[in-house]
């Protein structure tokens, strides 16, 4: 008789620090696996604590509690499938990223992560000790090797497991999204399959944590790189997969193959899910934002409605004497299309009062950006007052182009708790608005059809802080600016390389200077959804005080 093994994949969404809640989710998944007569249920890396817990794992009480949760889970895992679950652990005074196999009421095996990622958002060499390369463990008829996340991005661990008798590879992950990640991830896993000749199970978590979204997309490869199973991106899923022993070795039985959305949908889903989970996991229910009639606030309002529902989103217009009538009309129309509440709080009176209060000290000076910023900071003051009064978290609306060059007012329009478009350059803001108007998915809580008026997309961007102001008065056209920023920030190109690509050197130097002098603003800015490998925060850590400039 052909031997078989049923594996349940629990592609789930833990919450950092919610040990009891995460353990309950694990037990629910185990119960489903038991009902399906599975031999094992696998949960992602660091599932007990949630991921990334960052320096929390170095707090002895935190890691001790995580270990205690695993010790309390073990006796409950009896009379059914084994459970694989990730957590931190201290062994002989050293902290490790561990994956425990619970079976028959005890810890049957414990694996320790060997390859510790130390790039982009990861800082594991600072947190954990490197574990030894361990052999496979036996469950029923099958010997399973478990490289933990980064272990499978390098050949050494997988090859050692294959050489020591592993018959399949099970890789638990906490792998966050960035644009293009799916192809990179698949290429690495195909390499491990080709090198070892073994089936590979790639299990990833889902859900948002601060700026990161773990995008799921778990899959199983058979030898030869054949895709046997593909779970969907972003959704919590519990899937049961059968393996059968053949003359050529163990093979996964072909199963579900979810389609993968394009990069525009992935980016938009990340912005929605990051806000949704940030709200849920921090306990907020409702948001508000300043609605200017411009494209950035329109997109943020749309993301908020899709994440939380229109009943939980308040849009606020804060007009001054420089606010055009069409901006008020556009803001109102967008909010109405979304079904969100919209209020109006004029700032002309408060602005006059502030101007009069400062007049004795500013007498004899020329009006400049100071007076413009007073308007922005008054708007921030009004919005924060509403946030405090009604318990609605304030969203900030600066895109990556503005965040990069400091084209935003600190303590003004930068005020807020979260920024869904923080890693989205301005030209992609335009395209994302067009994409959302043309597309609707069942995970969106907002309405179908056009939700961002075409006039908002078409009109020249303006902060409207002085008469007839346009963004291009201060900055290059966004198609030029964004290409320079992509090269300076995302690709780390030199000034000489960017000039060689066709850009004016004076313009490049100006943008470089603006990036560096705006670092202090980014240091104080709200977190936001990470879409690229060079998002501002953990991906790009620059000093605030910095006098170096590229002279090439």
Protein backbone atom coordinates (compact mmCIF):
# COMPACT_ATOMS: atom_id res chain seq x y z
CA UNK A 1 0.00 0.00 0.00
CA UNK A 2 1.22 3.49 -0.90
CA UNK A 3 2.19 5.47 2.19
CA UNK A 4 0.75 8.95 2.59
CA UNK A 5 1.11 11.96 4.85
CA UNK A 6 -1.39 14.78 5.25
CA UNK A 7 0.02 18.20 6.13
CA UNK A 8 -2.14 21.13 7.20
CA UNK A 9 -0.76 24.57 6.35
CA UNK A 10 -1.94 27.33 8.69
CA UNK A 11 -1.29 30.57 6.79
CA UNK A 12 -2.44 32.79 9.64
CA UNK A 13 -2.09 36.30 11.05
CA UNK A 14 -0.57 36.53 14.55
CA UNK A 15 -0.39 39.69 16.65
CA UNK A 16 2.89 40.70 18.26
CA UNK A 17 2.71 40.17 22.00
CA UNK A 18 -0.72 38.51 22.02
CA UNK A 19 0.58 35.17 23.24
CA UNK A 20 -2.77 33.82 24.36
CA UNK A 21 -4.54 34.95 21.19
CA UNK A 22 -1.85 33.48 18.97
CA UNK A 23 -1.89 30.21 20.90
CA UNK A 24 -5.68 30.06 20.55
CA UNK A 25 -5.35 30.50 16.77
CA UNK A 26 -2.80 27.69 16.71
CA UNK A 27 -5.10 25.38 18.67
CA UNK A 28 -8.02 26.19 16.35
CA UNK A 29 -5.83 25.28 13.38
CA UNK A 30 -4.81 22.07 15.14
CA UNK A 31 -8.47 21.18 15.69
CA UNK A 32 -9.17 21.69 11.97
CA UNK A 33 -6.16 19.52 11.13
CA UNK A 34 -7.39 16.84 13.51
CA UNK A 35 -10.84 16.88 11.91
CA UNK A 36 -9.17 16.51 8.51
CA UNK A 37 -7.15 13.54 9.84
CA UNK A 38 -3.88 15.31 9.18
CA UNK A 39 -0.54 14.05 10.44
CA UNK A 40 0.82 17.53 11.13
CA UNK A 41 -0.26 21.15 11.25
CA UNK A 42 2.44 23.73 10.54
CA UNK A 43 2.36 27.35 11.66
CA UNK A 44 4.75 30.10 10.55
CA UNK A 45 8.01 31.31 12.05
CA UNK A 46 7.80 33.10 15.43
CA UNK A 47 4.04 32.55 15.51
CA UNK A 48 3.74 32.48 19.30
CA UNK A 49 5.09 36.02 19.71
CA UNK A 50 4.08 37.45 16.36
CA UNK A 51 6.69 38.82 13.97
CA UNK A 52 8.70 41.01 13.97
CA UNK A 53 8.88 41.49 17.72
CA UNK A 54 12.23 43.30 17.29
CA UNK A 55 14.00 44.07 20.60
CA UNK A 56 11.07 42.68 22.60
CA UNK A 57 12.66 39.24 22.26
CA UNK A 58 15.66 40.46 24.28
CA UNK A 59 13.40 41.21 27.24
CA UNK A 60 13.74 38.13 29.48
CA UNK A 61 10.13 38.22 30.68
CA UNK A 62 8.85 38.34 27.08
CA UNK A 63 10.81 35.32 25.88
CA UNK A 64 10.14 33.40 29.10
CA UNK A 65 6.41 33.87 28.59
CA UNK A 66 6.68 32.73 24.97
CA UNK A 67 8.50 29.57 26.08
CA UNK A 68 5.89 28.98 28.76
CA UNK A 69 3.12 29.23 26.15
CA UNK A 70 4.84 26.51 24.08
CA UNK A 71 5.23 24.36 27.21
CA UNK A 72 1.50 24.81 27.89
CA UNK A 73 0.57 23.99 24.30
CA UNK A 74 2.53 20.74 24.21
CA UNK A 75 0.29 18.70 26.58
CA UNK A 76 -2.76 19.71 24.51
CA UNK A 77 -1.26 18.31 21.30
CA UNK A 78 -2.22 14.70 21.82
CA UNK A 79 -4.57 12.28 20.12
CA UNK A 80 -4.19 14.06 16.79
CA UNK A 81 -1.63 15.63 14.46
CA UNK A 82 1.72 17.01 15.45
CA UNK A 83 2.13 20.79 15.52
CA UNK A 84 5.06 22.84 14.26
CA UNK A 85 5.21 26.35 15.71
CA UNK A 86 7.80 29.14 15.85
CA UNK A 87 8.94 31.07 18.92
CA UNK A 88 12.03 32.54 20.62
CA UNK A 89 13.80 30.54 23.30
CA UNK A 90 16.77 30.91 25.64
CA UNK A 91 19.04 27.86 25.87
CA UNK A 92 22.11 27.96 28.10
CA UNK A 93 21.81 31.72 28.34
CA UNK A 94 21.65 32.23 24.56
CA UNK A 95 18.64 33.50 22.62
CA UNK A 96 17.50 31.59 19.53
CA UNK A 97 14.81 31.78 16.86
CA UNK A 98 13.26 28.32 17.29
CA UNK A 99 10.70 26.05 15.69
CA UNK A 100 9.24 23.37 17.95
CA UNK A 101 7.52 20.15 16.89
CA UNK A 102 4.85 19.21 19.44
CA UNK A 103 3.60 15.60 19.44
CA UNK A 104 1.99 13.21 21.92
CA UNK A 105 1.92 15.82 24.67
CA UNK A 106 5.57 16.86 24.52
CA UNK A 107 8.18 18.70 22.47
CA UNK A 108 9.29 15.99 20.05
CA UNK A 109 11.90 18.14 18.25
CA UNK A 110 13.24 21.65 18.40
CA UNK A 111 15.00 23.34 15.48
CA UNK A 112 17.13 26.47 15.80
CA UNK A 113 17.58 28.99 12.99
CA UNK A 114 21.04 28.95 11.44
CA UNK A 115 21.08 31.73 8.84
CA UNK A 116 20.20 35.04 10.53
CA UNK A 117 19.10 37.78 8.11
CA UNK A 118 20.73 41.14 8.66
CA UNK A 119 19.50 43.33 5.81
CA UNK A 120 16.52 45.50 4.89
CA UNK A 121 14.09 45.32 7.83
CA UNK A 122 15.85 42.37 9.46
CA UNK A 123 18.30 42.70 12.34
CA UNK A 124 18.53 39.10 13.58
CA UNK A 125 22.28 38.90 14.05
CA UNK A 126 21.82 41.57 16.69
CA UNK A 127 19.01 39.65 18.37
CA UNK A 128 19.71 35.93 18.09
CA UNK A 129 22.52 33.43 18.31
CA UNK A 130 23.09 31.20 15.30
CA UNK A 131 21.88 27.67 15.95
CA UNK A 132 23.56 24.49 14.71
CA UNK A 133 22.54 22.86 11.44
CA UNK A 134 20.31 20.03 12.58
CA UNK A 135 19.05 16.89 10.90
CA UNK A 136 15.47 15.95 10.02
CA UNK A 137 12.81 14.68 12.42
CA UNK A 138 10.47 11.74 11.88
CA UNK A 139 6.68 11.99 11.89
CA UNK A 140 4.92 8.76 10.98
CA UNK A 141 6.38 7.46 7.72
CA UNK A 142 8.10 10.72 6.80
CA UNK A 143 11.39 12.39 7.65
CA UNK A 144 11.00 16.20 7.50
CA UNK A 145 13.73 18.80 7.29
CA UNK A 146 12.85 22.30 8.48
CA UNK A 147 15.01 25.19 7.34
CA UNK A 148 13.60 28.25 9.12
CA UNK A 149 12.91 31.13 6.72
CA UNK A 150 16.33 32.59 5.83
CA UNK A 151 17.84 29.09 6.14
CA UNK A 152 16.13 28.23 2.85
CA UNK A 153 17.56 31.27 1.03
CA UNK A 154 21.00 29.67 1.28
CA UNK A 155 21.94 26.21 0.04
CA UNK A 156 23.92 24.91 3.02
CA UNK A 157 21.08 24.07 5.44
CA UNK A 158 18.82 22.42 2.86
CA UNK A 159 21.64 20.35 1.38
CA UNK A 160 22.70 19.17 4.84
CA UNK A 161 19.13 18.14 5.62
CA UNK A 162 18.87 16.23 2.34
CA UNK A 163 22.18 14.49 2.94
CA UNK A 164 21.07 13.47 6.45
CA UNK A 165 17.86 11.82 5.27
CA UNK A 166 15.14 14.46 4.91
CA UNK A 167 12.41 13.40 2.48
CA UNK A 168 10.62 16.75 2.24
CA UNK A 169 11.54 20.29 3.28
CA UNK A 170 9.09 22.35 5.35
CA UNK A 171 10.06 26.03 5.50
CA UNK A 172 8.17 28.20 8.06
CA UNK A 173 8.47 31.89 7.23
CA UNK A 174 7.85 35.42 8.32
CA UNK A 175 8.51 36.99 4.92
CA UNK A 176 7.18 40.53 4.34
CA UNK A 177 6.08 42.05 1.07
CA UNK A 178 8.05 44.29 -1.18
CA UNK A 179 7.43 44.89 -4.86
CA UNK A 180 8.78 41.95 -6.87
CA UNK A 181 9.25 39.72 -3.80
CA UNK A 182 7.21 36.81 -5.19
CA UNK A 183 9.56 36.16 -8.11
CA UNK A 184 12.65 36.44 -5.90
CA UNK A 185 11.15 34.12 -3.30
CA UNK A 186 10.13 31.53 -5.88
CA UNK A 187 13.54 31.59 -7.57
CA UNK A 188 15.31 30.80 -4.29
CA UNK A 189 12.94 27.97 -3.42
CA UNK A 190 13.18 26.42 -6.89
CA UNK A 191 16.96 26.44 -6.42
CA UNK A 192 16.62 24.48 -3.17
CA UNK A 193 14.36 21.93 -4.89
CA UNK A 194 16.76 21.51 -7.79
CA UNK A 195 19.76 21.15 -5.46
CA UNK A 196 18.15 18.63 -3.10
CA UNK A 197 15.68 16.83 -5.36
CA UNK A 198 13.11 17.10 -2.54
CA UNK A 199 9.58 18.53 -2.39
CA UNK A 200 9.51 21.88 -0.60
CA UNK A 201 6.71 23.44 1.44
CA UNK A 202 6.97 27.22 1.77
CA UNK A 203 4.65 28.40 4.57
CA UNK A 204 4.36 32.15 5.10
CA UNK A 205 2.36 34.17 7.60
CA UNK A 206 -0.06 36.96 6.67
CA UNK A 207 -0.97 40.27 8.27
CA UNK A 208 0.37 43.71 9.01
CA UNK A 209 2.89 44.67 11.67
CA UNK A 210 3.78 48.37 11.85
CA UNK A 211 5.09 49.15 8.34
CA UNK A 212 5.38 45.56 7.12
CA UNK A 213 2.77 43.26 5.60
CA UNK A 214 3.45 39.53 5.56
CA UNK A 215 1.78 38.52 2.34
CA UNK A 216 1.21 34.78 2.64
CA UNK A 217 1.26 33.21 -0.80
CA UNK A 218 2.41 29.86 0.64
CA UNK A 219 3.22 27.19 -1.93
CA UNK A 220 4.51 23.68 -2.47
CA UNK A 221 7.02 22.63 -5.11
CA UNK A 222 7.66 19.09 -6.28
CA UNK A 223 11.04 18.03 -7.67
CA UNK A 224 11.70 19.60 -11.03
CA UNK A 225 10.19 22.86 -9.78
CA UNK A 226 6.60 21.77 -10.47
CA UNK A 227 4.11 23.95 -8.58
CA UNK A 228 1.79 21.56 -6.76
CA UNK A 229 -0.06 24.03 -4.48
CA UNK A 230 -0.34 27.81 -4.41
CA UNK A 231 -2.25 29.51 -1.60
CA UNK A 232 -3.58 33.05 -2.07
CA UNK A 233 -1.78 36.22 -1.13
CA UNK A 234 -2.76 38.15 2.02
CA UNK A 235 -5.68 35.92 3.13
CA UNK A 236 -5.76 33.71 6.21
CA UNK A 237 -6.06 30.15 4.93
CA UNK A 238 -5.96 26.68 6.45
CA UNK A 239 -5.21 24.15 3.71
CA UNK A 240 -4.77 20.38 3.85
CA UNK A 241 -2.23 18.86 1.47
CA UNK A 242 -1.48 15.19 0.86
CA UNK A 243 1.95 13.74 0.18
CA UNK A 244 2.35 10.27 -1.31
CA UNK A 245 5.39 8.04 -1.45
CA UNK A 246 6.28 7.07 -5.01
CA UNK A 247 9.10 5.07 -6.53
CA UNK A 248 10.92 8.36 -7.07
CA UNK A 249 10.31 9.57 -3.50
CA UNK A 250 7.67 11.61 -1.74
CA UNK A 251 5.52 13.93 -3.85
CA UNK A 252 2.82 16.48 -3.03
CA UNK A 253 -0.57 15.75 -4.57
CA UNK A 254 -1.57 18.60 -6.86
CA UNK A 255 -4.09 20.93 -5.24
CA UNK A 256 -5.31 24.53 -5.12
CA UNK A 257 -3.46 27.03 -7.29
CA UNK A 258 -4.59 30.56 -6.47
CA UNK A 259 -3.91 33.22 -9.07
CA UNK A 260 -1.39 35.92 -8.22
CA UNK A 261 -2.52 39.56 -8.68
CA UNK A 262 -0.33 42.05 -10.55
CA UNK A 263 1.97 44.51 -8.78
CA UNK A 264 -0.61 47.34 -8.79
CA UNK A 265 -3.16 45.21 -6.98
CA UNK A 266 -0.52 43.86 -4.60
CA UNK A 267 0.63 47.37 -3.68
CA UNK A 268 -2.91 48.56 -3.12
CA UNK A 269 -3.79 45.49 -1.06
CA UNK A 270 -0.69 46.07 1.10
CA UNK A 271 -1.75 49.66 1.80
CA UNK A 272 -5.26 48.51 2.72
CA UNK A 273 -4.17 45.55 4.85
CA UNK A 274 -1.43 47.47 6.64
CA UNK A 275 -3.89 50.14 7.74
CA UNK A 276 -6.58 47.59 8.60
CA UNK A 277 -4.25 45.56 10.80
CA UNK A 278 -2.58 48.61 12.32
CA UNK A 279 -6.01 49.79 13.44
CA UNK A 280 -7.19 46.40 14.66
CA UNK A 281 -4.00 45.51 16.48
CA UNK A 282 -3.67 48.91 18.20
CA UNK A 283 -7.34 49.06 19.14
CA UNK A 284 -8.47 52.01 17.01
CA UNK A 285 -11.83 51.77 15.23
CA UNK A 286 -12.12 54.98 13.21
CA UNK A 287 -9.90 57.42 11.34
CA UNK A 288 -10.01 60.99 10.10
CA UNK A 289 -7.91 62.89 7.58
CA UNK A 290 -7.61 66.32 6.07
CA UNK A 291 -9.36 66.27 2.69
CA UNK A 292 -7.81 68.94 0.48
CA UNK A 293 -9.28 68.13 -2.92
CA UNK A 294 -5.86 66.91 -3.99
CA UNK A 295 -4.90 63.47 -5.19
CA UNK A 296 -2.94 62.29 -2.12
CA UNK A 297 -5.73 62.84 0.41
CA UNK A 298 -8.23 61.36 -2.06
CA UNK A 299 -6.19 58.17 -2.32
CA UNK A 300 -5.68 57.94 1.46
CA UNK A 301 -9.42 58.40 2.00
CA UNK A 302 -10.11 55.62 -0.50
CA UNK A 303 -7.62 53.27 1.16
CA UNK A 304 -9.18 54.05 4.56
CA UNK A 305 -12.70 53.34 3.31
CA UNK A 306 -11.58 50.08 1.67
CA UNK A 307 -9.82 49.06 4.89
CA UNK A 308 -12.38 50.11 7.50
CA UNK A 309 -15.66 50.88 5.75
CA UNK A 310 -17.08 54.33 4.96
CA UNK A 311 -18.85 54.56 8.31
CA UNK A 312 -15.47 54.63 10.05
CA UNK A 313 -13.85 57.39 8.00
CA UNK A 314 -14.21 61.14 8.57
CA UNK A 315 -12.89 63.56 5.94
CA UNK A 316 -12.33 67.16 7.00
CA UNK A 317 -11.95 70.14 4.66
CA UNK A 318 -9.93 72.98 6.21
CA UNK A 319 -10.13 75.82 3.67
CA UNK A 320 -8.17 79.06 3.78
CA UNK A 321 -8.51 82.07 1.52
CA UNK A 322 -6.17 80.31 -0.92
CA UNK A 323 -8.31 77.18 -1.23
CA UNK A 324 -9.97 77.12 -4.64
CA UNK A 325 -13.66 76.47 -5.02
CA UNK A 326 -12.97 73.48 -7.25
CA UNK A 327 -10.80 71.92 -4.51
CA UNK A 328 -13.74 72.11 -2.10
CA UNK A 329 -16.00 70.63 -4.76
CA UNK A 330 -13.55 67.83 -5.55
CA UNK A 331 -13.02 66.96 -1.89
CA UNK A 332 -16.75 66.85 -1.26
CA UNK A 333 -17.43 64.78 -4.37
CA UNK A 334 -14.74 62.23 -3.51
CA UNK A 335 -16.01 61.81 0.06
CA UNK A 336 -19.57 61.43 -1.22
CA UNK A 337 -18.54 58.84 -3.82
CA UNK A 338 -16.82 56.90 -1.05
CA UNK A 339 -19.79 57.26 1.30
CA UNK A 340 -17.61 58.82 3.99
CA UNK A 341 -18.53 61.67 6.30
CA UNK A 342 -17.16 65.08 5.35
CA UNK A 343 -16.95 68.15 7.58
CA UNK A 344 -15.69 71.67 6.96
CA UNK A 345 -13.59 73.65 9.44
CA UNK A 346 -12.39 76.99 7.96
CA UNK A 347 -9.00 78.17 9.19
CA UNK A 348 -9.21 81.81 8.07
CA UNK A 349 -10.20 83.03 11.56
CA UNK A 350 -7.51 81.13 13.46
CA UNK A 351 -4.94 82.12 10.85
CA UNK A 352 -5.79 85.81 11.34
CA UNK A 353 -5.49 85.40 15.10
CA UNK A 354 -2.06 83.77 14.84
CA UNK A 355 -0.86 86.39 12.35
CA UNK A 356 -1.96 89.17 14.70
CA UNK A 357 -0.34 87.49 17.70
CA UNK A 358 2.99 87.20 15.87
CA UNK A 359 2.82 90.62 14.20
CA UNK A 360 4.91 92.51 16.80
CA UNK A 361 7.75 90.00 16.45
CA UNK A 362 7.56 89.68 12.65
CA UNK A 363 7.15 93.37 11.87
CA UNK A 364 9.37 94.51 9.01
CA UNK A 365 9.90 91.02 7.57
CA UNK A 366 8.73 89.74 4.21
CA UNK A 367 6.07 87.04 3.99
CA UNK A 368 7.61 83.66 3.10
CA UNK A 369 7.22 79.95 3.83
CA UNK A 370 6.65 80.82 7.51
CA UNK A 371 3.19 82.17 6.80
CA UNK A 372 2.44 79.20 4.53
CA UNK A 373 3.40 76.76 7.24
CA UNK A 374 1.15 78.46 9.78
CA UNK A 375 -1.78 77.34 7.64
CA UNK A 376 -0.55 73.76 7.54
CA UNK A 377 0.12 73.68 11.27
CA UNK A 378 -3.29 75.12 12.06
CA UNK A 379 -4.81 72.31 10.02
CA UNK A 380 -2.77 69.80 11.99
CA UNK A 381 -3.93 71.42 15.23
CA UNK A 382 -7.61 71.21 14.21
CA UNK A 383 -7.32 67.62 13.04
CA UNK A 384 -5.52 66.52 16.20
CA UNK A 385 -8.20 68.21 18.30
CA UNK A 386 -10.87 66.18 16.50
CA UNK A 387 -8.76 63.06 16.91
CA UNK A 388 -8.46 63.62 20.66
CA UNK A 389 -12.12 64.47 21.10
CA UNK A 390 -13.62 61.59 19.12
CA UNK A 391 -10.94 58.91 19.39
CA UNK A 392 -10.38 58.81 15.64
CA UNK A 393 -6.80 58.17 14.56
CA UNK A 394 -5.46 60.87 12.25
CA UNK A 395 -4.02 59.67 8.96
CA UNK A 396 -1.30 61.66 7.28
CA UNK A 397 -1.20 61.87 3.51
CA UNK A 398 2.33 62.60 2.26
CA UNK A 399 3.55 60.47 -0.65
CA UNK A 400 7.13 59.17 -0.91
CA UNK A 401 8.19 62.00 -3.24
CA UNK A 402 7.14 64.60 -0.65
CA UNK A 403 8.53 62.60 2.26
CA UNK A 404 11.86 62.30 0.44
CA UNK A 405 12.43 66.00 -0.24
CA UNK A 406 10.69 67.40 2.84
CA UNK A 407 7.82 68.92 0.86
CA UNK A 408 5.58 68.56 3.88
CA UNK A 409 5.23 70.59 7.06
CA UNK A 410 6.41 68.99 10.26
CA UNK A 411 3.75 69.41 13.00
CA UNK A 412 1.37 70.34 10.20
CA UNK A 413 0.30 68.01 7.41
CA UNK A 414 2.80 65.46 8.77
CA UNK A 415 0.73 65.14 11.95
CA UNK A 416 -0.90 61.76 12.31
CA UNK A 417 -0.58 58.16 13.45
CA UNK A 418 -0.21 56.31 10.15
CA UNK A 419 0.54 57.08 6.50
CA UNK A 420 -0.74 54.47 4.03
CA UNK A 421 1.04 56.05 1.02
CA UNK A 422 4.38 56.79 2.65
CA UNK A 423 6.27 54.46 0.28
CA UNK A 424 4.38 55.41 -2.91
CA UNK A 425 6.02 57.90 -5.26
CA UNK A 426 3.79 60.61 -6.73
CA UNK A 427 3.62 59.19 -10.25
CA UNK A 428 2.49 55.87 -8.77
CA UNK A 429 -0.14 57.76 -6.75
CA UNK A 430 -1.70 58.90 -10.03
CA UNK A 431 -1.60 55.40 -11.51
CA UNK A 432 -2.94 53.81 -8.33
CA UNK A 433 -5.94 56.13 -8.38
CA UNK A 434 -6.65 55.12 -11.97
CA UNK A 435 -6.28 51.45 -11.01
CA UNK A 436 -8.71 51.74 -8.09
CA UNK A 437 -11.32 53.54 -10.20
CA UNK A 438 -11.19 50.69 -12.70
CA UNK A 439 -11.01 47.77 -10.25
CA UNK A 440 -12.91 46.45 -7.27
CA UNK A 441 -12.25 43.35 -5.16
CA UNK A 442 -14.23 41.57 -2.46
CA UNK A 443 -11.67 42.56 0.19
CA UNK A 444 -12.45 46.24 -0.38
CA UNK A 445 -15.11 47.71 1.91
CA UNK A 446 -15.62 50.75 -0.30
CA UNK A 447 -17.95 51.00 -3.29
CA UNK A 448 -17.32 49.79 -6.82
CA UNK A 449 -16.74 52.16 -9.71
CA UNK A 450 -15.17 55.62 -9.82
CA UNK A 451 -14.43 56.85 -6.31
CA UNK A 452 -11.74 59.43 -7.11
CA UNK A 453 -13.08 62.15 -9.44
CA UNK A 454 -11.17 62.45 -12.71
CA UNK A 455 -10.62 66.17 -12.10
CA UNK A 456 -8.58 65.33 -9.00
CA UNK A 457 -6.35 63.06 -11.09
CA UNK A 458 -5.99 65.52 -13.96
CA UNK A 459 -5.32 68.83 -12.20
CA UNK A 460 -1.79 70.09 -11.43
CA UNK A 461 -0.80 69.29 -7.81
CA UNK A 462 -0.78 72.25 -5.43
CA UNK A 463 -0.48 72.81 -1.68
CA UNK A 464 -2.68 75.94 -2.09
CA UNK A 465 -0.80 77.92 0.54
CA UNK A 466 -0.41 81.04 -1.60
CA UNK A 467 -2.12 82.42 -4.71
CA UNK A 468 -1.84 80.23 -7.84
CA UNK A 469 0.70 77.93 -6.16
CA UNK A 470 1.81 74.75 -7.97
CA UNK A 471 4.16 72.02 -6.74
CA UNK A 472 6.34 72.62 -9.81
CA UNK A 473 7.09 76.13 -8.52
CA UNK A 474 9.41 74.47 -5.98
CA UNK A 475 10.13 71.03 -7.44
CA UNK A 476 10.91 69.51 -10.85
CA UNK A 477 7.98 67.88 -12.65
CA UNK A 478 7.11 64.68 -10.80
CA UNK A 479 8.12 62.38 -13.64
CA UNK A 480 11.63 63.88 -13.40
CA UNK A 481 11.68 64.11 -9.61
CA UNK A 482 10.54 60.52 -9.11
CA UNK A 483 13.16 59.12 -11.44
CA UNK A 484 15.89 61.04 -9.62
CA UNK A 485 14.53 59.89 -6.25
CA UNK A 486 14.30 56.29 -7.38
CA UNK A 487 17.94 56.45 -8.44
CA UNK A 488 19.19 58.28 -5.32
CA UNK A 489 17.08 56.48 -2.71
CA UNK A 490 16.04 53.09 -4.05
CA UNK A 491 19.04 52.31 -6.23
CA UNK A 492 21.70 54.30 -4.33
CA UNK A 493 23.18 55.65 -7.57
CA UNK A 494 25.82 58.34 -7.56
CA UNK A 495 25.20 61.84 -8.84
CA UNK A 496 27.47 61.08 -11.81
CA UNK A 497 25.41 58.01 -12.74
CA UNK A 498 22.19 59.98 -12.59
CA UNK A 499 23.60 62.78 -14.71
CA UNK A 500 24.83 60.19 -17.20
CA UNK A 501 21.25 58.90 -17.38
CA UNK A 502 20.20 62.30 -18.73
CA UNK A 503 19.37 64.48 -15.72
CA UNK A 504 20.63 68.02 -15.13
CA UNK A 505 23.39 68.02 -12.51
CA UNK A 506 22.12 71.13 -10.71
CA UNK A 507 18.68 69.56 -10.35
CA UNK A 508 20.14 66.29 -9.07
CA UNK A 509 22.30 68.13 -6.53
CA UNK A 510 19.32 70.13 -5.34
CA UNK A 511 17.28 66.97 -4.80
CA UNK A 512 20.19 65.24 -3.06
CA UNK A 513 20.48 68.22 -0.71
CA UNK A 514 16.73 68.21 0.03
CA UNK A 515 16.81 64.50 0.86
CA UNK A 516 19.61 64.90 3.37
CA UNK A 517 18.29 68.01 5.12
CA UNK A 518 14.84 66.39 5.48
CA UNK A 519 16.10 63.41 7.46
CA UNK A 520 14.98 64.97 10.76
CA UNK A 521 11.43 65.19 9.43
CA UNK A 522 11.37 61.53 8.46
CA UNK A 523 12.78 60.63 11.87
CA UNK A 524 9.61 62.12 13.41
CA UNK A 525 7.13 61.01 10.77
CA UNK A 526 4.31 58.50 11.11
CA UNK A 527 4.92 54.88 10.08
CA UNK A 528 3.45 53.74 6.77
CA UNK A 529 3.00 50.73 4.54
CA UNK A 530 6.26 49.30 3.15
CA UNK A 531 6.03 48.66 -0.59
CA UNK A 532 9.68 48.62 -1.69
CA UNK A 533 13.05 47.37 -0.50
CA UNK A 534 14.10 50.95 0.27
CA UNK A 535 11.23 52.29 2.34
CA UNK A 536 12.03 55.09 4.76
CA UNK A 537 12.56 53.67 8.25
CA UNK A 538 14.21 50.27 8.77
CA UNK A 539 15.23 49.81 5.12
CA UNK A 540 17.14 53.09 4.97
CA UNK A 541 18.83 54.29 8.16
CA UNK A 542 20.62 57.59 7.71
CA UNK A 543 21.96 60.05 10.31
CA UNK A 544 20.09 63.30 10.90
CA UNK A 545 23.31 65.30 11.18
CA UNK A 546 25.24 64.74 7.94
CA UNK A 547 27.41 67.20 5.99
CA UNK A 548 28.56 64.74 3.31
CA UNK A 549 27.47 65.33 -0.29
CA UNK A 550 28.32 63.34 -3.41
CA UNK A 551 30.84 65.34 -5.45
CA UNK A 552 30.95 63.01 -8.47
